[in-house]
Structure formats: structure tokens, C-alpha cells
Amino acid sequence: MRFINNLSFATVAAVSTLFAVSPVSQAQSSLLESVKRNPGEAQALCQQFKSINSRGESALSSQSIALIAGQRNLNKTEAEIVATYVIGLNCPDVR
């Protein structure tokens, strides 16, 4: 039984390590660098999200995400990641 527990732990550790250094996680990290290093850019996105909210639309709606994707030359998933990151860290009053 102890062997199985150790094996499970080793498996989980190995999978976690693979995800931590995977190209996907590295791509997401570089994707967020521009808004991390440029608070003005994040604040501009917050203002855009607040404007979207003022029209009764969610900042994470498909229309909003498509707008962000088009403006930043991102795919839908990348735009959702950026929007969620910016909202979570810079504009918690946005919905």
C-alpha cells in the first residue's frame, strides 16, 4: 500500500512538473507580460470593460471577448485569459 501511495505522489509530481514547464504555460505567461509590465494598458482595458458593463453587457461576454481578441490579435482563449487576468487584478468592480 505504501508503494501505491508513493507511486501516486510521484505521478502527480511528475505531471505537475510537466505542466509547469509546458509550452502552454510559457505562452500564457508571455501573453500576460504586456499587461503586467504596463499598468496603463491594464487600466485602459478596465475602462473598456466598464464601458461594456455600462451597456448592460458582461466584460466576459462572447462579444466583448471577440472585441478584445480583434484589438490585440489574439484567439478567443487568449483574449479570455487576458480579460480574466486584468479584471481579477486591476478592476474587481467590473462584472
Foldseek 3Di string as FASTA:
>chain_A
DVVVVVVVVVVVVVVVVCVVPDPVVVVLVVLQVVCVVDVVVLVVLLVVLVVCVVVVHACLDPVNLVVQCVVVVHDSVSSNSNSVVSCVPPNVVGD
